[in-house]
């Protein structure tokens, strides 16, 4: 069972207001991205992001990516033949970096600044062929459930046969995970373990494998 209070991430100071996250300073180098001192993304995730990007783009068409981070998944998404690549990013400083990415993008790339909760409602039902969701829990309350909160919206946004994937933080579909998927309407899902090599000081993952979920809207 997830213990929010004892999780290493929980020991870091979380922002109290979501809007504060938008303007928080970032630190970025060749191996990591930090926002307000939080480890948002690290380069060891590369093979995992590659797999998530492959899953999200398996149908081609129009793909939504929620959370840009270091741009690892976005770069792999751009390797597919797509009609459109939509990217939602909440932090203003990362969004400026995202603008640079979009200028050299291979396929039409549409940028959306803000939180998905404020943006995704602008999209019509069944608008996307694929979705990749990878955001960071902004408040301590969101730590155990941030990824689950998007499931129902993913179902609404996907075309029938569309595919949804996300940073799982899991090795398998634990009962709570399955329950959220089923509640959202997803009944067709499977997972593949991807080999990774996180550093020993990584606060958010320590296993040498992590599950890449393939979640299909039937």
Protein backbone atom coordinates (compact mmCIF):
# COMPACT_ATOMS: atom_id res chain seq x y z
CA UNK A 1 0.00 0.00 0.00
CA UNK A 2 1.22 3.51 -0.84
CA UNK A 3 2.28 5.37 2.30
CA UNK A 4 2.23 9.04 1.41
CA UNK A 5 3.86 10.26 4.59
CA UNK A 6 6.86 7.92 4.45
CA UNK A 7 7.54 8.27 0.71
CA UNK A 8 10.92 10.00 0.09
CA UNK A 9 9.26 12.63 -2.10
CA UNK A 10 6.95 13.54 0.80
CA UNK A 11 9.96 14.80 2.75
CA UNK A 12 10.47 17.62 0.23
CA UNK A 13 8.60 20.93 0.63
CA UNK A 14 5.54 20.90 -1.62
CA UNK A 15 3.97 24.08 -2.97
CA UNK A 16 0.69 24.97 -1.28
CA UNK A 17 -0.99 26.59 -4.27
CA UNK A 18 -1.08 25.06 -7.74
CA UNK A 19 -0.65 28.45 -9.42
CA UNK A 20 2.67 28.82 -7.61
CA UNK A 21 3.98 25.85 -9.60
CA UNK A 22 3.58 27.77 -12.86
CA UNK A 23 6.24 30.31 -11.95
CA UNK A 24 8.59 28.17 -9.84
CA UNK A 25 12.22 28.30 -10.99
CA UNK A 26 13.67 25.25 -12.67
CA UNK A 27 17.08 23.60 -12.67
CA UNK A 28 17.98 21.62 -15.76
CA UNK A 29 21.18 20.00 -16.99
CA UNK A 30 22.09 16.95 -19.08
CA UNK A 31 20.78 14.46 -16.52
CA UNK A 32 17.89 15.99 -14.59
CA UNK A 33 15.09 18.51 -14.32
CA UNK A 34 14.11 19.96 -10.95
CA UNK A 35 11.28 22.34 -10.12
CA UNK A 36 11.24 23.92 -6.66
CA UNK A 37 13.84 21.31 -5.66
CA UNK A 38 11.66 18.38 -6.76
CA UNK A 39 13.08 15.70 -9.10
CA UNK A 40 10.58 16.05 -11.94
CA UNK A 41 12.52 14.00 -14.50
CA UNK A 42 15.90 12.33 -14.88
CA UNK A 43 17.77 11.08 -17.93
CA UNK A 44 17.69 7.43 -16.80
CA UNK A 45 14.04 7.44 -17.88
CA UNK A 46 15.08 7.57 -21.55
CA UNK A 47 14.34 3.92 -22.48
CA UNK A 48 11.08 4.10 -20.56
CA UNK A 49 10.00 7.32 -22.28
CA UNK A 50 10.89 5.74 -25.62
CA UNK A 51 8.55 2.85 -24.91
CA UNK A 52 5.75 5.16 -23.72
CA UNK A 53 6.14 7.24 -26.88
CA UNK A 54 5.94 4.11 -29.04
CA UNK A 55 2.73 3.10 -27.29
CA UNK A 56 1.14 6.55 -27.55
CA UNK A 57 1.89 6.81 -31.27
CA UNK A 58 0.98 3.27 -32.32
CA UNK A 59 -2.19 4.50 -34.07
CA UNK A 60 -0.60 7.59 -35.61
CA UNK A 61 -3.08 10.43 -36.08
CA UNK A 62 -3.42 13.04 -33.35
CA UNK A 63 -1.47 12.56 -30.10
CA UNK A 64 -1.69 14.42 -26.80
CA UNK A 65 1.27 14.63 -24.44
CA UNK A 66 0.61 15.97 -20.94
CA UNK A 67 3.83 17.17 -19.30
CA UNK A 68 6.96 18.03 -21.34
CA UNK A 69 9.70 17.64 -18.74
CA UNK A 70 13.09 17.19 -20.38
CA UNK A 71 11.41 16.58 -23.72
CA UNK A 72 12.57 12.95 -23.87
CA UNK A 73 9.19 11.46 -24.76
CA UNK A 74 8.34 14.40 -27.01
CA UNK A 75 11.44 13.76 -29.12
CA UNK A 76 10.50 10.10 -29.55
CA UNK A 77 6.88 11.02 -30.34
CA UNK A 78 8.17 13.23 -33.14
CA UNK A 79 9.76 10.18 -34.79
CA UNK A 80 6.27 8.85 -35.63
CA UNK A 81 4.15 9.93 -38.59
CA UNK A 82 1.49 12.07 -36.94
CA UNK A 83 -1.17 14.53 -37.99
CA UNK A 84 -0.68 16.61 -34.86
CA UNK A 85 1.31 16.53 -31.62
CA UNK A 86 -0.38 18.49 -28.82
CA UNK A 87 1.64 19.23 -25.67
CA UNK A 88 0.32 20.61 -22.36
CA UNK A 89 2.85 22.08 -19.93
CA UNK A 90 2.12 23.96 -16.70
CA UNK A 91 5.46 25.49 -15.71
CA UNK A 92 6.22 28.79 -17.48
CA UNK A 93 9.98 28.23 -17.68
CA UNK A 94 9.64 24.77 -19.18
CA UNK A 95 7.04 26.15 -21.57
CA UNK A 96 9.65 28.59 -22.90
CA UNK A 97 11.95 25.62 -23.57
CA UNK A 98 9.03 23.87 -25.22
CA UNK A 99 8.64 26.75 -27.66
CA UNK A 100 12.17 26.10 -28.88
CA UNK A 101 11.37 22.40 -29.29
CA UNK A 102 8.28 23.19 -31.35
CA UNK A 103 10.23 25.40 -33.78
CA UNK A 104 12.24 22.42 -34.99
CA UNK A 105 9.50 19.80 -34.64
CA UNK A 106 9.03 17.39 -37.53
CA UNK A 107 5.24 17.30 -37.37
CA UNK A 108 2.63 19.98 -36.58
CA UNK A 109 3.06 20.72 -32.85
CA UNK A 110 0.42 22.64 -30.91
CA UNK A 111 1.38 24.01 -27.50
CA UNK A 112 -0.93 24.58 -24.53
CA UNK A 113 0.30 26.51 -21.48
CA UNK A 114 -1.33 25.59 -18.18
CA UNK A 115 -2.65 22.65 -16.19
CA UNK A 116 -4.47 19.87 -17.97
CA UNK A 117 -7.44 20.40 -15.67
CA UNK A 118 -7.91 23.85 -17.25
CA UNK A 119 -7.09 22.91 -20.84
CA UNK A 120 -8.33 19.44 -21.74
CA UNK A 121 -12.01 20.46 -21.55
CA UNK A 122 -11.37 22.56 -24.68
CA UNK A 123 -10.88 19.37 -26.70
CA UNK A 124 -13.89 17.59 -28.18
CA UNK A 125 -14.80 14.05 -27.19
CA UNK A 126 -12.82 11.38 -29.05
CA UNK A 127 -10.34 13.96 -30.34
CA UNK A 128 -7.13 11.96 -29.93
CA UNK A 129 -5.72 8.69 -31.28
CA UNK A 130 -3.13 8.45 -28.50
CA UNK A 131 -2.30 10.06 -25.16
CA UNK A 132 0.88 10.07 -23.05
CA UNK A 133 0.45 11.43 -19.52
CA UNK A 134 3.46 12.22 -17.35
CA UNK A 135 2.96 14.99 -14.80
CA UNK A 136 4.44 15.58 -11.36
CA UNK A 137 2.31 15.62 -8.17
CA UNK A 138 2.29 19.30 -7.30
CA UNK A 139 0.80 19.12 -3.82
CA UNK A 140 1.39 16.51 -1.13
CA UNK A 141 -2.27 15.50 -1.39
CA UNK A 142 -1.76 14.56 -5.05
CA UNK A 143 1.27 12.36 -4.41
CA UNK A 144 -0.51 8.97 -4.36
CA UNK A 145 -3.25 9.73 -6.90
CA UNK A 146 -2.01 12.29 -9.47
CA UNK A 147 -1.89 9.79 -12.33
CA UNK A 148 -5.30 8.31 -11.51
CA UNK A 149 -7.05 11.69 -11.67
CA UNK A 150 -6.62 11.86 -15.45
CA UNK A 151 -8.04 8.43 -16.31
CA UNK A 152 -11.65 9.50 -16.89
CA UNK A 153 -10.58 12.45 -19.01
CA UNK A 154 -8.29 10.21 -21.06
CA UNK A 155 -11.24 7.94 -21.77
CA UNK A 156 -13.35 10.89 -22.94
CA UNK A 157 -10.62 12.29 -25.17
CA UNK A 158 -9.71 9.04 -26.91
CA UNK A 159 -11.29 7.72 -30.05
CA UNK A 160 -12.57 4.15 -29.88
CA UNK A 161 -9.46 2.03 -30.35
CA UNK A 162 -7.29 4.88 -29.10
CA UNK A 163 -4.38 4.16 -26.77
CA UNK A 164 -3.47 5.74 -23.44
CA UNK A 165 -0.20 5.35 -21.57
CA UNK A 166 1.45 7.13 -18.68
CA UNK A 167 4.30 7.07 -16.19
CA UNK A 168 2.97 4.28 -14.00
CA UNK A 169 5.31 4.12 -11.02
CA UNK A 170 4.33 0.44 -10.85
CA UNK A 171 5.60 -3.04 -11.70
CA UNK A 172 2.10 -4.42 -12.27
CA UNK A 173 -1.56 -3.48 -12.15
CA UNK A 174 -2.22 -3.35 -8.43
CA UNK A 175 -5.92 -3.57 -7.38
CA UNK A 176 -6.26 0.19 -6.75
CA UNK A 177 -4.78 0.92 -10.18
CA UNK A 178 -7.19 -1.50 -11.87
CA UNK A 179 -10.13 -0.04 -9.98
CA UNK A 180 -9.41 3.48 -11.27
CA UNK A 181 -9.06 2.20 -14.84
CA UNK A 182 -12.32 0.27 -14.69
CA UNK A 183 -14.13 3.20 -13.10
CA UNK A 184 -12.98 5.40 -16.00
CA UNK A 185 -14.30 2.87 -18.52
CA UNK A 186 -11.10 1.09 -19.56
CA UNK A 187 -11.32 -2.70 -19.68
CA UNK A 188 -8.53 -3.49 -22.15
CA UNK A 189 -5.09 -2.94 -20.64
CA UNK A 190 -1.74 -4.68 -20.43
CA UNK A 191 1.76 -3.83 -19.25
CA UNK A 192 5.33 -4.38 -20.38
CA UNK A 193 8.32 -4.18 -18.06
CA UNK A 194 11.06 -1.87 -19.33
CA UNK A 195 14.64 -2.15 -18.08
CA UNK A 196 16.00 1.05 -16.53
CA UNK A 197 19.00 2.07 -14.45
CA UNK A 198 18.05 4.77 -11.93
CA UNK A 199 20.86 6.18 -9.78
CA UNK A 200 21.02 5.12 -6.16
CA UNK A 201 20.01 8.59 -5.01
CA UNK A 202 16.83 8.72 -7.13
CA UNK A 203 13.93 9.62 -4.84
CA UNK A 204 11.06 8.39 -6.98
CA UNK A 205 12.17 5.04 -8.42
CA UNK A 206 14.68 2.39 -7.30
CA UNK A 207 13.85 -0.76 -9.27
CA UNK A 208 15.69 -1.80 -12.45
CA UNK A 209 12.36 -2.26 -14.21
CA UNK A 210 9.20 -0.20 -14.54
CA UNK A 211 5.91 -1.04 -16.22
CA UNK A 212 4.84 0.67 -19.42
CA UNK A 213 1.04 0.37 -19.63
CA UNK A 214 -0.92 0.02 -22.86
CA UNK A 215 -4.51 1.03 -22.17
CA UNK A 216 -6.99 0.77 -25.05
CA UNK A 217 -10.40 2.39 -25.27
CA UNK A 218 -12.64 -0.44 -26.46
